[in-house]
Protein backbone atom coordinates (compact mmCIF):
# COMPACT_ATOMS: atom_id res chain seq x y z
CA MET A 1 2.31 7.40 21.92
CA GLU A 2 3.26 4.13 23.55
CA LEU A 3 2.73 0.88 21.70
CA SER A 4 0.18 -0.47 24.19
CA GLU A 5 -1.94 2.69 23.92
CA ALA A 6 -1.80 2.59 20.11
CA ILE A 7 -2.90 -1.07 20.06
CA ARG A 8 -5.86 -0.26 22.30
CA LYS A 9 -6.85 2.79 20.26
CA GLY A 10 -6.54 0.95 16.93
CA SER A 11 -8.46 -2.05 18.27
CA LYS A 12 -11.51 0.17 18.66
CA LEU A 13 -11.43 1.14 14.98
CA ARG A 14 -12.03 -2.22 13.30
CA PRO A 15 -12.28 -5.96 14.04
CA GLN A 16 -9.31 -8.23 14.55
CA SER A 17 -7.79 -10.12 11.64
CA PHE A 18 -5.14 -12.81 11.51
CA GLY A 19 -2.22 -13.56 9.22
CA ALA A 20 -1.75 -10.06 7.77
CA HIS A 21 -1.57 -6.49 9.06
CA TYR A 22 -4.81 -5.73 7.21
CA GLY A 23 -7.20 -8.35 5.96
CA LYS A 24 -10.74 -9.52 5.61
CA THR A 25 -12.50 -10.92 8.65
CA PRO A 26 -14.90 -13.89 8.41
CA ASP A 27 -17.83 -11.49 7.91
CA GLY A 28 -16.01 -9.81 5.01
CA SER A 29 -15.18 -6.54 6.76
CA LEU A 30 -11.68 -5.10 6.83
CA GLY A 31 -9.78 -5.90 10.01
CA THR A 32 -6.33 -5.36 11.43
CA CYS A 33 -3.95 -7.59 13.32
CA VAL A 34 -2.22 -6.31 16.44
CA LEU A 35 0.45 -4.44 14.45
CA GLY A 36 -2.04 -2.99 11.98
CA ALA A 37 -4.14 -1.78 14.93
CA ALA A 38 -1.08 -0.15 16.52
CA HIS A 39 -0.11 1.63 13.32
CA GLU A 40 -3.64 2.83 12.65
CA GLY A 41 -4.22 3.78 16.28
CA ALA A 42 -1.08 5.92 16.39
CA GLY A 43 -1.81 7.59 13.05
CA CYS A 44 1.12 5.95 11.24
CA ILE A 45 -1.39 4.91 8.56
CA THR A 46 -4.86 5.88 7.43
CA ILE A 47 -7.18 3.25 6.01
CA THR A 48 -10.10 4.30 3.85
CA THR A 49 -12.51 2.49 1.58
CA THR A 50 -13.55 4.12 -1.68
CA ALA A 51 -17.12 4.20 -2.97
CA ASP A 52 -16.35 1.21 -5.21
CA GLY A 53 -15.05 -0.85 -2.27
CA MET A 54 -11.33 -0.46 -2.86
CA VAL A 55 -9.22 -0.23 0.29
CA GLN A 56 -6.60 2.50 0.36
CA ILE A 57 -3.81 2.59 2.93
CA GLU A 58 -1.89 5.81 3.24
CA ALA A 59 1.35 5.82 5.21
CA HIS A 60 2.34 8.79 7.33
CA PRO A 61 6.13 8.47 7.70
CA GLU A 62 6.26 11.64 9.77
CA VAL A 63 4.55 9.75 12.62
CA PRO A 64 7.12 7.90 14.72
CA ALA A 65 6.98 4.12 14.64
CA PHE A 66 7.54 1.88 17.65
CA PRO A 67 11.19 1.05 18.42
CA LEU A 68 9.96 -1.39 21.06
CA LEU A 69 8.93 -3.80 18.27
CA ASP A 70 12.60 -4.35 17.39
CA GLU A 71 13.72 -4.86 20.97
CA TYR A 72 14.11 -8.20 22.73
CA THR A 73 12.74 -9.45 26.01
CA ASP A 74 14.45 -11.86 28.33
CA GLY A 75 11.37 -12.96 30.21
CA PRO A 76 9.26 -16.02 29.51
CA LEU A 77 6.75 -15.72 26.72
CA PRO A 78 3.24 -15.05 28.00
CA CYS A 79 1.78 -17.96 26.02
CA GLY A 80 4.27 -20.55 27.28
CA CYS A 81 5.71 -21.29 23.84
CA ASP A 82 9.47 -21.53 23.53
CA ASP A 83 10.02 -21.55 19.77
CA VAL A 84 9.03 -17.97 18.86
CA GLY A 85 12.19 -16.09 19.76
CA THR A 86 12.37 -13.05 21.94
CA GLN A 87 11.88 -10.11 19.57
CA ILE A 88 8.88 -8.21 20.88
CA GLY A 89 7.32 -7.58 17.46
CA ALA A 90 7.48 -11.29 16.61
CA ILE A 91 5.93 -12.19 19.96
CA LEU A 92 3.01 -9.81 19.38
CA VAL A 93 2.35 -11.32 15.95
CA HIS A 94 2.60 -14.83 17.42
CA LEU A 95 0.04 -14.02 20.14
CA ASN A 96 -2.31 -12.54 17.53
CA ASP A 97 -1.98 -15.11 14.76
CA GLU A 98 -1.26 -18.38 16.56
CA HIS A 99 -3.18 -17.96 19.82
CA HIS A 100 -5.83 -15.45 18.67
CA TRP A 101 -5.36 -13.40 21.80
CA PRO A 102 -7.61 -10.34 21.76
CA ARG A 103 -5.61 -7.24 20.90
CA GLU A 104 -6.54 -5.67 24.25
CA ARG A 105 -4.89 -8.60 26.03
CA ILE A 106 -1.81 -8.26 23.84
CA ALA A 107 -1.76 -4.53 24.67
CA SER A 108 -1.73 -5.39 28.39
CA TRP A 109 1.30 -7.62 27.88
CA ALA A 110 3.01 -4.88 25.82
CA ARG A 111 2.29 -2.42 28.65
CA HIS A 112 4.05 -4.78 31.05
CA ILE A 113 7.10 -4.80 28.76
CA GLU A 114 7.04 -1.00 28.38
CA ARG A 115 7.24 -0.61 32.15
CA LYS A 116 10.45 -2.69 32.42
């Protein structure tokens, strides 16, 4: 599964959070950032909540991760910032946490990078 597809799929599972892969949203529900959404959407992790409200995250190492996150891009950053660096994973986190881009918009940018 491509990164952009996984982000889109995971974005449909829970609300967006900021500052951590998995965290509480303002309404108290469990959300995911762009990377958490990608991992959950691709099946790299499973997130469940127990009857007593405890969150359990189970990793599935047999599911391939996304090598694209460790690659670099030479194009301009989509937000116009110039102090983030060019590692794709760091850019995605920056767009999520600093600019609060919707994950679907971040997925569209990732799709553009995948097509290069």
